[in-house]
Amino acid sequence: MRAHLKNVHKKTVDGTESGPAKRQTTLTMFHTKKKEMPVFKQNDITKSLALMCAVDLRPVSMVAAAGFKNFCNKLNPSYHIPCRTTVTKHLQHLYDESKKDLIDLIADCPVSLTTDLWTSCSTKSFITLTSHFIDTKWKLRTKLLATRHVEERHSGEKHCQHIAAANGGIQRYKCWSSRHRQCRKHAGCCS
């Protein structure tokens, strides 16, 4: 028996080791360290999160909610949920890209603008500016350019100022009369 203990268990009878001892396999040996997500994948998911907030009209503050964090952790534990500031930066980047794409799309197309004044359920007034145009493939397109809150009295001059502010860098829009001349009343505010 002494020979068995010495050869198989590498321990002497008095308790001192005669060589490296074998360790019993434990569950912790199979536990692997949490894998880190690659940066490009992290950014791609964060961009999709910002797009979801924009398309589904979700508040950016939802990324701080405990339920959302738990949900994301169940989907992919290696995804680091970004803060509201990061999601807001991605939203701004998506907005800038969409604006540039829209400007490129309508650069060579005649554009017709329509406005709509409306009141919300909470009795706040808004003006919406929509563009209508036929693209290069002869398809009628409609794009919402802006919706702005209107606090002052509704007048033609104020509407023209809101339209000029709402076009957001698309400077070729002006107020025109039915004879295709610039309307004299709005010549100063829309040029």
C-alpha atoms as a PDB file:
ATOM      1  CA  MET A   1       0.000   0.000   0.000  1.00  0.00           C
ATOM      2  CA  ARG A   2       2.864   2.334   0.759  1.00  0.00           C
ATOM      3  CA  ALA A   3       4.201   1.788  -2.765  1.00  0.00           C
ATOM      4  CA  HIS A   4       0.768   2.535  -4.199  1.00  0.00           C
ATOM      5  CA  LEU A   5       0.507   5.825  -2.299  1.00  0.00           C
ATOM      6  CA  LYS A   6       4.026   6.783  -3.330  1.00  0.00           C
ATOM      7  CA  ASN A   7       3.600   5.929  -7.019  1.00  0.00           C
ATOM      8  CA  VAL A   8      -0.004   6.948  -7.688  1.00  0.00           C
ATOM      9  CA  HIS A   9      -0.794   9.713  -5.214  1.00  0.00           C
ATOM     10  CA  LYS A  10       2.698  11.229  -5.035  1.00  0.00           C
ATOM     11  CA  LYS A  11       2.475  11.674  -1.320  1.00  0.00           C
ATOM     12  CA  THR A  12       4.281   9.905   1.399  1.00  0.00           C
ATOM     13  CA  VAL A  13       2.557   8.478   4.329  1.00  0.00           C
ATOM     14  CA  ASP A  14       3.837  11.266   6.603  1.00  0.00           C
ATOM     15  CA  GLY A  15       2.060  13.926   4.438  1.00  0.00           C
ATOM     16  CA  THR A  16       5.021  15.466   2.617  1.00  0.00           C
ATOM     17  CA  GLU A  17       4.869  15.607  -1.153  1.00  0.00           C
ATOM     18  CA  SER A  18       7.349  13.709  -3.207  1.00  0.00           C
ATOM     19  CA  GLY A  19       6.352  15.446  -6.488  1.00  0.00           C
ATOM     20  CA  PRO A  20       3.633  17.541  -8.029  1.00  0.00           C
ATOM     21  CA  ALA A  21       0.255  16.491  -6.735  1.00  0.00           C
ATOM     22  CA  LYS A  22      -2.694  15.873  -9.028  1.00  0.00           C
ATOM     23  CA  ARG A  23      -5.616  18.183  -8.457  1.00  0.00           C
ATOM     24  CA  GLN A  24      -9.195  17.151  -8.602  1.00  0.00           C
ATOM     25  CA  THR A  25     -11.115  18.680 -11.499  1.00  0.00           C
ATOM     26  CA  THR A  26     -13.479  21.415 -10.323  1.00  0.00           C
ATOM     27  CA  LEU A  27     -16.203  23.385 -12.076  1.00  0.00           C
ATOM     28  CA  THR A  28     -14.185  26.586 -11.867  1.00  0.00           C
ATOM     29  CA  MET A  29     -11.610  25.105 -14.234  1.00  0.00           C
ATOM     30  CA  PHE A  30     -14.220  25.060 -17.003  1.00  0.00           C
ATOM     31  CA  HIS A  31     -15.407  28.615 -16.404  1.00  0.00           C
ATOM     32  CA  THR A  32     -13.951  30.810 -19.100  1.00  0.00           C
ATOM     33  CA  LYS A  33     -13.313  34.489 -18.799  1.00  0.00           C
ATOM     34  CA  LYS A  34     -15.981  36.743 -20.353  1.00  0.00           C
ATOM     35  CA  LYS A  35     -15.032  37.450 -23.956  1.00  0.00           C
ATOM     36  CA  GLU A  36     -14.698  41.083 -24.931  1.00  0.00           C
ATOM     37  CA  MET A  37     -16.712  42.268 -27.910  1.00  0.00           C
ATOM     38  CA  PRO A  38     -14.676  43.709 -30.791  1.00  0.00           C
ATOM     39  CA  VAL A  39     -14.860  47.504 -31.053  1.00  0.00           C
ATOM     40  CA  PHE A  40     -16.365  47.481 -34.553  1.00  0.00           C
ATOM     41  CA  LYS A  41     -19.180  45.198 -33.363  1.00  0.00           C
ATOM     42  CA  GLN A  42     -19.757  47.374 -30.278  1.00  0.00           C
ATOM     43  CA  ASN A  43     -20.050  50.473 -32.506  1.00  0.00           C
ATOM     44  CA  ASP A  44     -22.345  48.685 -34.952  1.00  0.00           C
ATOM     45  CA  ILE A  45     -24.746  47.656 -32.186  1.00  0.00           C
ATOM     46  CA  THR A  46     -24.666  51.163 -30.670  1.00  0.00           C
ATOM     47  CA  LYS A  47     -25.485  52.657 -34.082  1.00  0.00           C
ATOM     48  CA  SER A  48     -28.421  50.230 -34.367  1.00  0.00           C
ATOM     49  CA  LEU A  49     -29.555  51.266 -30.884  1.00  0.00           C
ATOM     50  CA  ALA A  50     -29.517  54.949 -31.909  1.00  0.00           C
ATOM     51  CA  LEU A  51     -31.434  54.105 -35.094  1.00  0.00           C
ATOM     52  CA  MET A  52     -34.017  52.228 -33.020  1.00  0.00           C
ATOM     53  CA  CYS A  53     -34.470  55.296 -30.796  1.00  0.00           C
ATOM     54  CA  ALA A  54     -35.003  57.479 -33.877  1.00  0.00           C
ATOM     55  CA  VAL A  55     -37.293  55.159 -35.846  1.00  0.00           C
ATOM     56  CA  ASP A  56     -39.418  54.004 -32.899  1.00  0.00           C
ATOM     57  CA  LEU A  57     -39.453  57.438 -31.198  1.00  0.00           C
ATOM     58  CA  ARG A  58     -37.915  56.044 -28.023  1.00  0.00           C
ATOM     59  CA  PRO A  59     -36.230  58.299 -25.485  1.00  0.00           C
ATOM     60  CA  VAL A  60     -32.450  58.107 -25.289  1.00  0.00           C
ATOM     61  CA  SER A  61     -32.766  57.823 -21.501  1.00  0.00           C
ATOM     62  CA  MET A  62     -33.981  54.228 -21.899  1.00  0.00           C
ATOM     63  CA  VAL A  63     -30.343  53.059 -22.027  1.00  0.00           C
ATOM     64  CA  ALA A  64     -30.069  53.881 -18.318  1.00  0.00           C
ATOM     65  CA  ALA A  65     -33.172  51.868 -17.357  1.00  0.00           C
ATOM     66  CA  ALA A  66     -32.625  48.687 -15.348  1.00  0.00           C
ATOM     67  CA  GLY A  67     -34.998  46.626 -17.496  1.00  0.00           C
ATOM     68  CA  PHE A  68     -33.219  47.608 -20.717  1.00  0.00           C
ATOM     69  CA  LYS A  69     -29.815  46.805 -19.181  1.00  0.00           C
ATOM     70  CA  ASN A  70     -31.071  43.404 -18.046  1.00  0.00           C
ATOM     71  CA  PHE A  71     -32.545  42.703 -21.497  1.00  0.00           C
ATOM     72  CA  CYS A  72     -29.277  43.602 -23.272  1.00  0.00           C
ATOM     73  CA  ASN A  73     -27.269  41.529 -20.817  1.00  0.00           C
ATOM     74  CA  LYS A  74     -29.447  38.490 -21.563  1.00  0.00           C
ATOM     75  CA  LEU A  75     -29.023  39.014 -25.330  1.00  0.00           C
ATOM     76  CA  ASN A  76     -25.270  39.537 -25.248  1.00  0.00           C
ATOM     77  CA  PRO A  77     -23.387  39.797 -21.935  1.00  0.00           C
ATOM     78  CA  SER A  78     -20.256  41.106 -23.657  1.00  0.00           C
ATOM     79  CA  TYR A  79     -22.049  44.214 -25.014  1.00  0.00           C
ATOM     80  CA  HIS A  80     -21.204  47.294 -22.999  1.00  0.00           C
ATOM     81  CA  ILE A  81     -24.350  49.464 -22.915  1.00  0.00           C
ATOM     82  CA  PRO A  82     -23.394  53.032 -23.836  1.00  0.00           C
ATOM     83  CA  CYS A  83     -24.417  56.134 -21.917  1.00  0.00           C
ATOM     84  CA  ARG A  84     -27.034  58.605 -23.164  1.00  0.00           C
ATOM     85  CA  THR A  85     -24.349  60.980 -24.437  1.00  0.00           C
ATOM     86  CA  THR A  86     -22.865  58.311 -26.707  1.00  0.00           C
ATOM     87  CA  VAL A  87     -26.275  57.380 -28.127  1.00  0.00           C
ATOM     88  CA  THR A  88     -27.025  61.090 -28.681  1.00  0.00           C
ATOM     89  CA  LYS A  89     -23.756  61.483 -30.611  1.00  0.00           C
ATOM     90  CA  HIS A  90     -24.717  58.537 -32.809  1.00  0.00           C
ATOM     91  CA  LEU A  91     -28.159  60.101 -33.361  1.00  0.00           C
ATOM     92  CA  GLN A  92     -26.539  63.376 -34.414  1.00  0.00           C
ATOM     93  CA  HIS A  93     -24.286  61.490 -36.826  1.00  0.00           C
ATOM     94  CA  LEU A  94     -27.308  59.663 -38.309  1.00  0.00           C
ATOM     95  CA  TYR A  95     -29.097  63.008 -38.694  1.00  0.00           C
ATOM     96  CA  ASP A  96     -26.115  64.578 -40.458  1.00  0.00           C
ATOM     97  CA  GLU A  97     -25.835  61.599 -42.837  1.00  0.00           C
ATOM     98  CA  SER A  98     -29.568  61.674 -43.627  1.00  0.00           C
ATOM     99  CA  LYS A  99     -29.483  65.422 -44.240  1.00  0.00           C
ATOM    100  CA  LYS A 100     -26.515  65.103 -46.588  1.00  0.00           C
ATOM    101  CA  ASP A 101     -28.222  62.254 -48.472  1.00  0.00           C
ATOM    102  CA  LEU A 102     -31.414  64.312 -48.821  1.00  0.00           C
ATOM    103  CA  ILE A 103     -29.521  67.353 -50.112  1.00  0.00           C
ATOM    104  CA  ASP A 104     -27.729  65.148 -52.657  1.00  0.00           C
ATOM    105  CA  LEU A 105     -31.032  63.535 -53.654  1.00  0.00           C
ATOM    106  CA  ILE A 106     -32.846  66.789 -54.399  1.00  0.00           C
ATOM    107  CA  ALA A 107     -29.881  68.759 -55.733  1.00  0.00           C
ATOM    108  CA  ASP A 108     -30.931  68.453 -59.368  1.00  0.00           C
ATOM    109  CA  CYS A 109     -34.687  68.052 -58.913  1.00  0.00           C
ATOM    110  CA  PRO A 110     -37.364  70.732 -58.991  1.00  0.00           C
ATOM    111  CA  VAL A 111     -38.903  70.713 -55.528  1.00  0.00           C
ATOM    112  CA  SER A 112     -42.343  71.732 -54.372  1.00  0.00           C
ATOM    113  CA  LEU A 113     -42.806  72.633 -50.717  1.00  0.00           C
ATOM    114  CA  THR A 114     -45.950  72.353 -48.645  1.00  0.00           C
ATOM    115  CA  THR A 115     -46.525  73.536 -45.129  1.00  0.00           C
ATOM    116  CA  ASP A 116     -49.026  72.397 -42.581  1.00  0.00           C
ATOM    117  CA  LEU A 117     -49.994  74.254 -39.441  1.00  0.00           C
ATOM    118  CA  TRP A 118     -51.472  72.040 -36.783  1.00  0.00           C
ATOM    119  CA  THR A 119     -52.212  71.958 -33.073  1.00  0.00           C
ATOM    120  CA  SER A 120     -51.314  69.113 -30.767  1.00  0.00           C
ATOM    121  CA  CYS A 121     -53.612  67.624 -28.134  1.00  0.00           C
ATOM    122  CA  SER A 122     -51.912  69.862 -25.581  1.00  0.00           C
ATOM    123  CA  THR A 123     -52.850  72.940 -27.693  1.00  0.00           C
ATOM    124  CA  LYS A 124     -49.323  73.665 -28.879  1.00  0.00           C
ATOM    125  CA  SER A 125     -49.008  74.956 -32.446  1.00  0.00           C
ATOM    126  CA  PHE A 126     -46.582  73.455 -34.938  1.00  0.00           C
ATOM    127  CA  ILE A 127     -45.570  74.037 -38.536  1.00  0.00           C
ATOM    128  CA  THR A 128     -44.380  71.163 -40.734  1.00  0.00           C
ATOM    129  CA  LEU A 129     -42.411  71.623 -43.959  1.00  0.00           C
ATOM    130  CA  THR A 130     -42.606  68.828 -46.534  1.00  0.00           C
ATOM    131  CA  SER A 131     -40.837  68.575 -49.890  1.00  0.00           C
ATOM    132  CA  HIS A 132     -42.316  66.849 -52.940  1.00  0.00           C
ATOM    133  CA  PHE A 133     -40.234  66.035 -55.996  1.00  0.00           C
ATOM    134  CA  ILE A 134     -39.762  63.576 -58.827  1.00  0.00           C
ATOM    135  CA  ASP A 135     -36.429  61.798 -58.601  1.00  0.00           C
ATOM    136  CA  THR A 136     -34.155  60.784 -61.476  1.00  0.00           C
ATOM    137  CA  LYS A 137     -36.095  57.508 -61.909  1.00  0.00           C
ATOM    138  CA  TRP A 138     -39.361  59.445 -62.347  1.00  0.00           C
ATOM    139  CA  LYS A 139     -40.708  58.355 -58.992  1.00  0.00           C
ATOM    140  CA  LEU A 140     -42.713  60.831 -56.909  1.00  0.00           C
ATOM    141  CA  ARG A 141     -40.961  61.282 -53.571  1.00  0.00           C
ATOM    142  CA  THR A 142     -42.077  63.058 -50.406  1.00  0.00           C
ATOM    143  CA  LYS A 143     -39.686  63.939 -47.595  1.00  0.00           C
ATOM    144  CA  LEU A 144     -40.485  65.640 -44.313  1.00  0.00           C
ATOM    145  CA  LEU A 145     -37.946  68.416 -43.839  1.00  0.00           C
ATOM    146  CA  ALA A 146     -38.865  69.790 -40.422  1.00  0.00           C
ATOM    147  CA  THR A 147     -41.500  70.232 -37.756  1.00  0.00           C
ATOM    148  CA  ARG A 148     -41.123  73.273 -35.528  1.00  0.00           C
ATOM    149  CA  HIS A 149     -42.999  74.631 -32.545  1.00  0.00           C
ATOM    150  CA  VAL A 150     -44.717  77.968 -33.284  1.00  0.00           C
ATOM    151  CA  GLU A 151     -45.320  80.225 -30.310  1.00  0.00           C
ATOM    152  CA  GLU A 152     -46.124  83.554 -31.959  1.00  0.00           C
ATOM    153  CA  ARG A 153     -49.145  84.698 -33.907  1.00  0.00           C
ATOM    154  CA  HIS A 154     -49.713  83.025 -37.284  1.00  0.00           C
ATOM    155  CA  SER A 155     -48.792  85.434 -40.068  1.00  0.00           C
ATOM    156  CA  GLY A 156     -47.320  85.088 -43.553  1.00  0.00           C
ATOM    157  CA  GLU A 157     -44.070  86.728 -42.519  1.00  0.00           C
ATOM    158  CA  LYS A 158     -43.656  84.410 -39.509  1.00  0.00           C
ATOM    159  CA  HIS A 159     -44.442  81.378 -41.664  1.00  0.00           C
ATOM    160  CA  CYS A 160     -41.796  82.408 -44.173  1.00  0.00           C
ATOM    161  CA  GLN A 161     -39.253  82.822 -41.351  1.00  0.00           C
ATOM    162  CA  HIS A 162     -40.072  79.353 -40.047  1.00  0.00           C
ATOM    163  CA  ILE A 163     -39.721  77.891 -43.546  1.00  0.00           C
ATOM    164  CA  ALA A 164     -36.368  79.641 -44.010  1.00  0.00           C
ATOM    165  CA  ALA A 165     -35.184  78.338 -40.613  1.00  0.00           C
ATOM    166  CA  ALA A 166     -36.568  74.848 -41.229  1.00  0.00           C
ATOM    167  CA  ASN A 167     -34.825  74.285 -44.541  1.00  0.00           C
ATOM    168  CA  GLY A 168     -31.670  73.630 -42.511  1.00  0.00           C
ATOM    169  CA  GLY A 169     -29.022  74.588 -45.006  1.00  0.00           C
ATOM    170  CA  ILE A 170     -30.921  73.946 -48.218  1.00  0.00           C
ATOM    171  CA  GLN A 171     -30.635  77.575 -49.257  1.00  0.00           C
ATOM    172  CA  ARG A 172     -32.293  77.431 -52.651  1.00  0.00           C
ATOM    173  CA  TYR A 173     -35.858  77.601 -51.289  1.00  0.00           C
ATOM    174  CA  LYS A 174     -37.563  80.962 -51.541  1.00  0.00           C
ATOM    175  CA  CYS A 175     -41.125  82.178 -51.394  1.00  0.00           C
ATOM    176  CA  TRP A 176     -42.487  82.495 -54.952  1.00  0.00           C
ATOM    177  CA  SER A 177     -45.693  83.896 -56.328  1.00  0.00           C
ATOM    178  CA  SER A 178     -47.815  82.083 -58.914  1.00  0.00           C
ATOM    179  CA  ARG A 179     -45.997  83.997 -61.695  1.00  0.00           C
ATOM    180  CA  HIS A 180     -42.625  82.516 -60.678  1.00  0.00           C
ATOM    181  CA  ARG A 181     -41.269  85.781 -59.358  1.00  0.00           C
ATOM    182  CA  GLN A 182     -40.109  86.171 -55.820  1.00  0.00           C
ATOM    183  CA  CYS A 183     -42.953  87.417 -53.697  1.00  0.00           C
ATOM    184  CA  ARG A 184     -42.297  91.085 -52.779  1.00  0.00           C
ATOM    185  CA  LYS A 185     -43.804  90.698 -49.316  1.00  0.00           C
ATOM    186  CA  HIS A 186     -41.350  87.928 -48.386  1.00  0.00           C
ATOM    187  CA  ALA A 187     -38.298  89.089 -50.348  1.00  0.00           C
ATOM    188  CA  GLY A 188     -36.421  90.138 -47.208  1.00  0.00           C
ATOM    189  CA  CYS A 189     -37.104  87.173 -44.963  1.00  0.00           C
ATOM    190  CA  CYS A 190     -36.540  84.315 -47.407  1.00  0.00           C
ATOM    191  CA  SER A 191     -33.513  85.420 -49.362  1.00  0.00           C
END
